[in-house]
Structure formats: C-alpha cells, structure tokens
Amino acid sequence: MKEKILLFLKGFGMGAANIIPGVSGGTIALITGIYERLIAALHNIDYVAVKLFFKFKFKKLFDKVDGGFLTALLLGVVVSTFTLAKLMKYLLEYHETLLWSFFFGLILASILVVMKRIKKWNLFIIFWFIIGTVAAYLITSTKSIDTPHTPLYIFLSGFIAIIAMILPGISGSYILLIIGKYKFAIGLVSSMTSYFKDALAGILKGNFSNVLSLFPASEFGLAAIFVVGCVLGLVVFSKLLNWLFKKFHDATITVLAGFMFGSLNIIWPWKKTVGTFIDPHGVQQKIQENIFPLEVNQMFFYIIGFIVIGFVVVYVIEKASNISPKKSKI
C-alpha cells in the first residue's frame, strides 16, 4: 500500500508538470526513479497484450504490463490533470514569473540528479549531452504555428505531444503551444471536467435527463481522437526508448539530461514583454524575450528564493523515492 500511494503521488507530480508549458512529466519520472520501469511497462503493451485482453485473460495481462504500477501511476496523472488544470491556468496568468522560477530550480537540480546515473564519463558521453542540449534548444526556440482543429491534426497533436511528455526536458504542453493546440487541449480538459462535475451533481439529485442534455458530443469526440493519438504515440515511442535503454543506457540518459538542459531557455524566469499579438483564435498572446537580471530588487530575491525551493523539492523527492525501481518482464 505504501508503494501504491507513493506511485500515485509520483503520477500526480507528473500530471502537474505536464500541464505547465516548458516542464515535462518525464523529468519527474526520471528523478523519482521510475522512468525506466515506466518505459519497460509501456513497451509490454503489444500484440500479445491485445490478444490477452480479447481472450479475457486479465490476470496475465495485468502481470505482463506491470498493471499495479501503471494503474497507481496513471491514476495520479489523471487526477492531477483534471484537478490542477484551472489552478495552473491561474498561476500562469497571475504568477508566471514565480512559477517559472520554481520549475527552473527544479529542472536544474534534476539535471544533476540524472547525471549521477551515468556510470562512466568520456568524450562520447559529452558529445551526446551536447546533441541533446542543441536539439532541445532548437525545438524550444521554434515559433508557434497555427493548425486547423480537424480530426487528423488533433490526432497528430496527441501523438506528438505524448512523446514529448515522456521525454525529460521537452514539455508536451510546450509542443502543443508550438503547434497551436495548447489552449485547445486545456479547453477540452476544462470542458470535460465541468461536464463530469455537473453530471455528477445531476445524478446525485436524480435528474438523469439533465445529464444527457449536458453531454458535449462534439467535444467528447475530439477528446477521444486526441486520447487515441496519445495512446498510440505512447506505445510506439516507449518501444524505441526501451530498446535504447537496453543497448545504449548511458548515452540515452545523457541525451535526456541534455534535453532538460537545452529546454531551460523556455522557463528562464527573467523575461520582458516586447509586444502582443492576437492569435487566429482571437486570444491575445504576449511576445516575450529572455533577459539577464539588470538590477537587484525585491522581485530578484523572490525569483532566487523560488529557484532554491525548486532545488530543495528535487532533493526531498530523491530522498523520498526509496523504492527500488523494478523492471517489467520483457
């Protein structure tokens, strides 16, 4: 039970991180010691697993995919996503700088934690760290584009975003921002959350007809397409990552650390707004540039303080993660 509760909390942390543009749930998984176990479990969702499902051999299926681990973790992710979406939206709107500061410290400390897992340093390892850093920097420096809200693009958005979500350093939320689907995805989550809340209230009052009238059929269909894209992306990419961990463990860890380092430019807390623009959906967006702190004032100390808090949180998480990561049977 203790293990399941800790896994739920780790999943909760992953879900919270995935909501923030610039922060990856994969980072949380990596620093809490469950990343490789997660990839191995996802790798086992294959043709054999599908056959077991349709043959109703649920016990064998549960064991094959490390079901206890995935259930506790994914439950935490789902609960976090639906409960924190509005909170994160509020923090991004009213306390953006302090939020960036906290996650800047968290990711910076996470890089140090991840680098400790590299068994032997050499020029080859340094080369892969540079590759990861440059790749993440180029991706996160890409300007956002606008894409249509068609089923195909929504499916591809889910497929691509989920890959980023399980990659430490590269945020799935930021990828959604780049391809113009972040507000759309958050809107879907918020809409479905409101529906389930109102539906539950209707059921408790015995008003079942009202539940059906509230059902957002069009939005539910789009959400289903997005989820299917996420599931397929997760399964396909986890197989590639699992193979990389087996064949090139240290190089893979190094590239992941490079991804985290190269993505720090997104959440650099010192920014200035140089303009605004109205996106194709009629929403006003800020144009910001990173700057160096030019003066020491009250906000400077707040930013430094939240960076330190981020460092401390990583230290506490690492110490609290005393469950040895198990690997699924492959």
Protein backbone atom coordinates (compact mmCIF):
# COMPACT_ATOMS: atom_id res chain seq x y z
CA MET A 1 0.00 0.00 0.00
CA LYS A 2 2.87 2.37 0.80
CA GLU A 3 4.35 1.73 -2.65
CA LYS A 4 0.99 2.34 -4.38
CA ILE A 5 0.49 5.63 -2.51
CA LEU A 6 3.98 6.81 -3.44
CA LEU A 7 3.42 5.82 -7.07
CA PHE A 8 0.13 7.75 -7.07
CA LEU A 9 1.93 10.84 -5.72
CA LYS A 10 4.66 10.49 -8.36
CA GLY A 11 1.96 10.23 -11.03
CA PHE A 12 0.27 13.28 -9.52
CA GLY A 13 3.56 15.17 -9.85
CA MET A 14 3.96 14.02 -13.46
CA GLY A 15 0.44 15.20 -14.32
CA ALA A 16 1.05 18.58 -12.69
CA ALA A 17 4.32 19.02 -14.59
CA ASN A 18 2.75 18.07 -17.92
CA ILE A 19 0.21 20.89 -17.61
CA ILE A 20 2.96 23.55 -17.48
CA PRO A 21 4.36 24.59 -20.88
CA GLY A 22 8.12 24.03 -20.60
CA VAL A 23 8.06 21.31 -17.93
CA SER A 24 7.96 17.58 -18.66
CA GLY A 25 6.32 14.83 -16.64
CA GLY A 26 9.19 12.64 -17.82
CA THR A 27 11.51 14.78 -15.70
CA ILE A 28 9.51 13.91 -12.58
CA ALA A 29 9.53 10.23 -13.52
CA LEU A 30 13.29 10.30 -14.02
CA ILE A 31 14.21 11.99 -10.74
CA THR A 32 11.81 9.78 -8.74
CA GLY A 33 13.45 6.63 -10.07
CA ILE A 34 10.53 5.18 -12.04
CA TYR A 35 11.37 6.28 -15.59
CA GLU A 36 12.93 3.06 -16.89
CA ARG A 37 10.27 0.93 -15.21
CA LEU A 38 7.59 3.09 -16.85
CA ILE A 39 9.15 2.71 -20.30
CA ALA A 40 9.51 -1.07 -19.83
CA ALA A 41 5.86 -1.40 -18.75
CA LEU A 42 4.63 0.63 -21.72
CA HIS A 43 6.86 -1.44 -24.02
CA ASN A 44 4.92 -4.55 -22.94
CA ILE A 45 1.65 -3.15 -24.33
CA ASP A 46 1.93 -5.07 -27.58
CA TYR A 47 0.12 -7.56 -29.83
CA VAL A 48 0.33 -10.28 -27.18
CA ALA A 49 -1.23 -7.93 -24.61
CA VAL A 50 -4.10 -7.17 -27.01
CA LYS A 51 -4.70 -10.91 -27.53
CA LEU A 52 -4.79 -11.48 -23.77
CA PHE A 53 -7.35 -8.68 -23.45
CA PHE A 54 -9.72 -10.12 -26.06
CA LYS A 55 -9.33 -13.60 -24.55
CA PHE A 56 -10.40 -12.11 -21.19
CA LYS A 57 -7.14 -13.26 -19.56
CA PHE A 58 -6.96 -10.12 -17.49
CA LYS A 59 -4.73 -11.55 -14.75
CA LYS A 60 -1.99 -12.48 -17.24
CA LEU A 61 -2.41 -9.13 -18.98
CA PHE A 62 -2.15 -7.28 -15.67
CA ASP A 63 1.08 -9.08 -14.80
CA LYS A 64 2.57 -8.63 -18.27
CA VAL A 65 2.19 -4.83 -18.34
CA ASP A 66 3.10 -4.29 -14.67
CA GLY A 67 -0.54 -3.37 -14.08
CA GLY A 68 -0.28 -2.44 -10.41
CA PHE A 69 2.48 0.05 -11.18
CA LEU A 70 0.74 1.58 -14.22
CA THR A 71 -2.66 1.79 -12.51
CA ALA A 72 -1.37 3.70 -9.47
CA LEU A 73 0.80 5.97 -11.61
CA LEU A 74 -1.78 6.76 -14.29
CA LEU A 75 -4.46 7.34 -11.66
CA GLY A 76 -2.22 10.02 -10.16
CA VAL A 77 -1.64 11.57 -13.61
CA VAL A 78 -5.37 11.68 -14.42
CA VAL A 79 -6.42 13.06 -11.02
CA SER A 80 -3.70 15.72 -11.23
CA THR A 81 -4.60 16.73 -14.77
CA PHE A 82 -8.29 17.21 -14.02
CA THR A 83 -7.86 18.86 -10.62
CA LEU A 84 -4.94 21.18 -11.38
CA ALA A 85 -5.74 22.41 -14.91
CA LYS A 86 -7.58 25.51 -13.68
CA LEU A 87 -5.04 26.17 -10.92
CA MET A 88 -2.12 26.06 -13.35
CA LYS A 89 -4.02 28.33 -15.73
CA TYR A 90 -4.46 30.82 -12.87
CA LEU A 91 -0.79 30.63 -11.84
CA LEU A 92 0.39 31.12 -15.42
CA GLU A 93 -1.80 34.19 -15.72
CA TYR A 94 -1.10 35.88 -12.38
CA HIS A 95 2.17 34.42 -11.01
CA GLU A 96 4.03 33.40 -14.15
CA THR A 97 7.49 34.60 -13.10
CA LEU A 98 7.47 32.79 -9.76
CA LEU A 99 6.12 29.63 -11.39
CA TRP A 100 8.96 29.70 -13.96
CA SER A 101 11.45 30.32 -11.14
CA PHE A 102 10.29 27.27 -9.18
CA PHE A 103 10.45 24.95 -12.18
CA PHE A 104 13.78 26.42 -13.32
CA GLY A 105 15.30 25.39 -10.00
CA LEU A 106 13.54 22.04 -10.11
CA ILE A 107 14.83 21.16 -13.59
CA LEU A 108 18.34 22.47 -12.92
CA ALA A 109 18.60 20.25 -9.85
CA SER A 110 17.04 17.35 -11.78
CA ILE A 111 19.85 17.51 -14.33
CA LEU A 112 22.40 16.98 -11.55
CA VAL A 113 20.39 14.03 -10.21
CA VAL A 114 20.18 12.43 -13.65
CA MET A 115 23.87 12.94 -14.41
CA LYS A 116 24.77 10.94 -11.29
CA ARG A 117 23.32 7.86 -13.01
CA ILE A 118 25.96 7.91 -15.73
CA LYS A 119 28.44 5.19 -14.84
CA LYS A 120 31.45 6.33 -16.86
CA TRP A 121 32.21 9.75 -18.32
CA ASN A 122 34.12 10.15 -21.60
CA LEU A 123 34.16 12.31 -24.73
CA PHE A 124 31.45 10.15 -26.29
CA ILE A 125 29.09 10.85 -23.37
CA ILE A 126 29.84 14.59 -23.51
CA PHE A 127 29.10 14.54 -27.24
CA TRP A 128 25.63 13.08 -26.64
CA PHE A 129 24.94 15.63 -23.90
CA ILE A 130 25.70 18.41 -26.40
CA ILE A 131 23.47 16.76 -29.02
CA GLY A 132 20.58 16.57 -26.55
CA THR A 133 21.11 20.17 -25.46
CA VAL A 134 21.21 21.56 -29.01
CA ALA A 135 18.20 19.50 -30.13
CA ALA A 136 16.06 20.68 -27.19
CA TYR A 137 17.15 24.30 -27.64
CA LEU A 138 16.25 24.28 -31.33
CA ILE A 139 12.86 22.69 -30.66
CA THR A 140 12.01 25.07 -27.82
CA SER A 141 13.14 28.10 -29.85
CA THR A 142 10.65 27.30 -32.61
CA LYS A 143 7.90 29.87 -33.04
CA SER A 144 4.34 28.68 -32.68
CA ILE A 145 2.28 27.94 -35.75
CA ASP A 146 -1.43 27.68 -36.31
CA THR A 147 -3.01 24.37 -37.28
CA PRO A 148 -6.67 23.58 -38.01
CA HIS A 149 -8.89 21.83 -35.47
CA THR A 150 -9.52 18.87 -37.78
CA PRO A 151 -9.61 15.25 -36.52
CA LEU A 152 -6.30 14.43 -38.29
CA TYR A 153 -4.41 17.34 -36.73
CA ILE A 154 -5.91 16.65 -33.31
CA PHE A 155 -4.82 13.00 -33.58
CA LEU A 156 -1.28 14.02 -34.64
CA SER A 157 -1.16 16.64 -31.85
CA GLY A 158 -1.87 13.94 -29.26
CA PHE A 159 0.63 11.56 -30.87
CA ILE A 160 3.47 14.14 -30.90
CA ALA A 161 2.67 15.76 -27.55
CA ILE A 162 2.65 12.49 -25.61
CA ILE A 163 6.12 11.65 -26.96
CA ALA A 164 7.37 14.96 -25.58
CA MET A 165 5.57 14.37 -22.29
CA ILE A 166 7.56 11.21 -21.58
CA LEU A 167 10.84 12.80 -22.68
CA PRO A 168 12.51 14.58 -19.75
CA GLY A 169 13.13 18.22 -20.56
CA ILE A 170 10.86 18.56 -23.57
CA SER A 171 7.38 19.51 -22.46
CA GLY A 172 4.35 18.07 -24.18
CA SER A 173 2.47 21.23 -23.23
CA TYR A 174 5.11 23.34 -24.95
CA ILE A 175 4.90 21.19 -28.08
CA LEU A 176 1.15 21.80 -28.02
CA LEU A 177 1.91 25.54 -27.80
CA ILE A 178 4.23 25.32 -30.81
CA ILE A 179 1.64 23.55 -32.95
CA GLY A 180 -1.15 25.82 -31.75
CA LYS A 181 -3.11 23.26 -29.74
CA TYR A 182 -2.32 24.10 -26.09
CA LYS A 183 -5.33 26.30 -25.35
CA PHE A 184 -7.49 23.92 -27.36
CA ALA A 185 -6.32 20.91 -25.29
CA ILE A 186 -6.67 22.75 -21.97
CA GLY A 187 -10.12 23.90 -23.11
CA LEU A 188 -11.14 20.29 -23.77
CA VAL A 189 -9.91 19.19 -20.33
CA SER A 190 -11.70 22.10 -18.65
CA SER A 191 -14.90 21.44 -20.60
CA MET A 192 -14.93 17.71 -19.83
CA THR A 193 -14.17 18.43 -16.15
CA SER A 194 -17.13 20.81 -15.96
CA TYR A 195 -19.36 18.25 -17.67
CA PHE A 196 -18.47 15.41 -15.27
CA LYS A 197 -18.90 17.77 -12.31
CA ASP A 198 -22.36 18.90 -13.49
CA ALA A 199 -23.29 15.33 -14.48
CA LEU A 200 -22.39 14.02 -11.02
CA ALA A 201 -24.43 16.79 -9.41
CA GLY A 202 -27.39 15.84 -11.65
CA ILE A 203 -27.09 12.15 -10.80
CA LEU A 204 -26.98 12.88 -7.07
CA LYS A 205 -30.19 14.91 -7.46
CA GLY A 206 -31.82 12.14 -9.50
CA ASN A 207 -32.03 14.31 -12.62
CA PHE A 208 -30.76 11.82 -15.21
CA SER A 209 -32.30 13.58 -18.22
CA ASN A 210 -30.26 16.68 -17.43
CA VAL A 211 -27.07 14.57 -17.57
CA LEU A 212 -27.79 13.60 -21.18
CA SER A 213 -28.66 17.15 -22.19
CA LEU A 214 -25.32 18.39 -20.84
CA PHE A 215 -23.30 15.81 -22.82
CA PRO A 216 -20.88 17.69 -25.13
CA ALA A 217 -20.94 15.19 -28.01
CA SER A 218 -18.69 17.15 -30.39
CA GLU A 219 -16.11 17.96 -27.72
CA PHE A 220 -16.17 14.41 -26.40
CA GLY A 221 -15.45 13.13 -29.92
CA LEU A 222 -12.47 15.47 -30.30
CA ALA A 223 -11.18 14.48 -26.86
CA ALA A 224 -11.46 10.79 -27.81
CA ILE A 225 -9.44 11.38 -31.01
CA PHE A 226 -6.77 13.24 -29.02
CA VAL A 227 -6.58 10.43 -26.44
CA VAL A 228 -6.22 7.77 -29.16
CA GLY A 229 -3.30 9.75 -30.61
CA CYS A 230 -1.73 9.94 -27.15
CA VAL A 231 -2.10 6.19 -26.53
CA LEU A 232 -0.59 5.19 -29.88
CA GLY A 233 2.27 7.67 -29.50
CA LEU A 234 2.98 6.37 -26.01
CA VAL A 235 3.10 2.72 -27.08
CA VAL A 236 5.18 3.28 -30.23
CA PHE A 237 7.76 5.61 -28.69
CA SER A 238 8.13 3.56 -25.49
CA LYS A 239 9.33 0.62 -27.60
CA LEU A 240 12.06 2.77 -29.13
CA LEU A 241 13.12 4.13 -25.74
CA ASN A 242 13.13 0.66 -24.18
CA TRP A 243 15.47 -0.56 -26.94
CA LEU A 244 17.77 2.46 -26.45
CA PHE A 245 17.98 1.85 -22.70
CA LYS A 246 18.97 -1.76 -23.32
CA LYS A 247 21.60 -1.05 -25.97
CA PHE A 248 22.90 2.43 -25.09
CA HIS A 249 21.95 3.10 -21.47
CA ASP A 250 24.46 5.82 -20.54
CA ALA A 251 24.20 7.59 -23.91
CA THR A 252 20.40 7.62 -23.63
CA ILE A 253 20.49 9.01 -20.09
CA THR A 254 22.97 11.66 -21.26
CA VAL A 255 20.77 12.75 -24.16
CA LEU A 256 17.80 13.02 -21.79
CA ALA A 257 19.87 15.20 -19.45
CA GLY A 258 20.82 17.32 -22.46
CA PHE A 259 17.14 17.67 -23.34
CA MET A 260 16.47 19.07 -19.88
CA PHE A 261 19.41 21.49 -20.04
CA GLY A 262 18.57 22.71 -23.54
CA SER A 263 14.95 23.38 -22.59
CA LEU A 264 15.80 25.72 -19.70
CA ASN A 265 15.51 28.73 -22.03
CA ILE A 266 11.70 28.28 -22.05
CA ILE A 267 11.35 28.78 -18.31
CA TRP A 268 14.14 31.31 -17.75
CA PRO A 269 12.36 33.47 -15.14
CA TRP A 270 13.75 36.85 -16.21
CA LYS A 271 11.74 37.90 -19.24
CA LYS A 272 10.44 41.11 -20.73
CA THR A 273 7.31 41.57 -22.81
CA VAL A 274 8.19 43.21 -26.13
CA GLY A 275 4.71 43.15 -27.62
CA THR A 276 1.43 41.35 -28.01
CA PHE A 277 -0.49 39.77 -30.83
CA ILE A 278 -3.91 38.28 -31.44
CA ASP A 279 -3.73 34.64 -32.44
CA PRO A 280 -6.05 33.14 -35.11
CA HIS A 281 -8.49 32.13 -32.36
CA GLY A 282 -8.91 35.72 -31.15
CA VAL A 283 -6.84 35.33 -27.97
CA GLN A 284 -4.25 37.97 -27.06
CA GLN A 285 -0.76 36.48 -26.62
CA LYS A 286 2.41 38.03 -25.20
CA ILE A 287 5.69 38.22 -27.11
CA GLN A 288 8.50 37.74 -24.58
CA GLU A 289 12.28 37.70 -24.68
CA ASN A 290 14.74 36.32 -22.11
CA ILE A 291 16.90 38.94 -20.40
CA PHE A 292 19.63 38.94 -17.77
CA PRO A 293 18.69 40.41 -14.38
CA LEU A 294 19.87 44.02 -14.54
CA GLU A 295 19.03 45.09 -11.01
CA VAL A 296 18.75 43.56 -7.56
CA ASN A 297 15.28 44.30 -6.23
CA GLN A 298 12.50 42.59 -4.30
CA MET A 299 11.41 40.50 -7.31
CA PHE A 300 15.03 39.38 -7.84
CA PHE A 301 15.10 37.86 -4.35
CA TYR A 302 11.67 36.28 -4.86
CA ILE A 303 12.92 34.64 -8.05
CA ILE A 304 16.11 33.37 -6.39
CA GLY A 305 14.04 32.11 -3.47
CA PHE A 306 11.70 30.08 -5.67
CA ILE A 307 14.65 28.69 -7.63
CA VAL A 308 16.11 27.47 -4.31
CA ILE A 309 12.72 25.99 -3.36
CA GLY A 310 12.75 24.06 -6.66
CA PHE A 311 16.21 22.72 -5.79
CA VAL A 312 15.06 21.64 -2.35
CA VAL A 313 11.94 19.92 -3.73
CA VAL A 314 14.11 17.77 -6.02
CA TYR A 315 16.37 16.87 -3.10
CA VAL A 316 13.34 15.84 -0.99
CA ILE A 317 11.81 13.87 -3.87
CA GLU A 318 15.06 12.00 -4.46
CA LYS A 319 15.41 11.10 -0.81
CA ALA A 320 11.76 10.09 -0.51
CA SER A 321 11.98 7.84 -3.56
CA ASN A 322 13.43 4.92 -1.65
CA ILE A 323 11.55 2.23 -3.60
CA SER A 324 13.92 0.37 -5.88
CA PRO A 325 12.66 0.71 -9.45
CA LYS A 326 11.55 -2.66 -10.74
CA LYS A 327 11.55 -3.54 -14.38
CA SER A 328 8.71 -5.26 -16.20
CA LYS A 329 9.22 -8.67 -17.70
CA ILE A 330 10.22 -8.19 -21.31
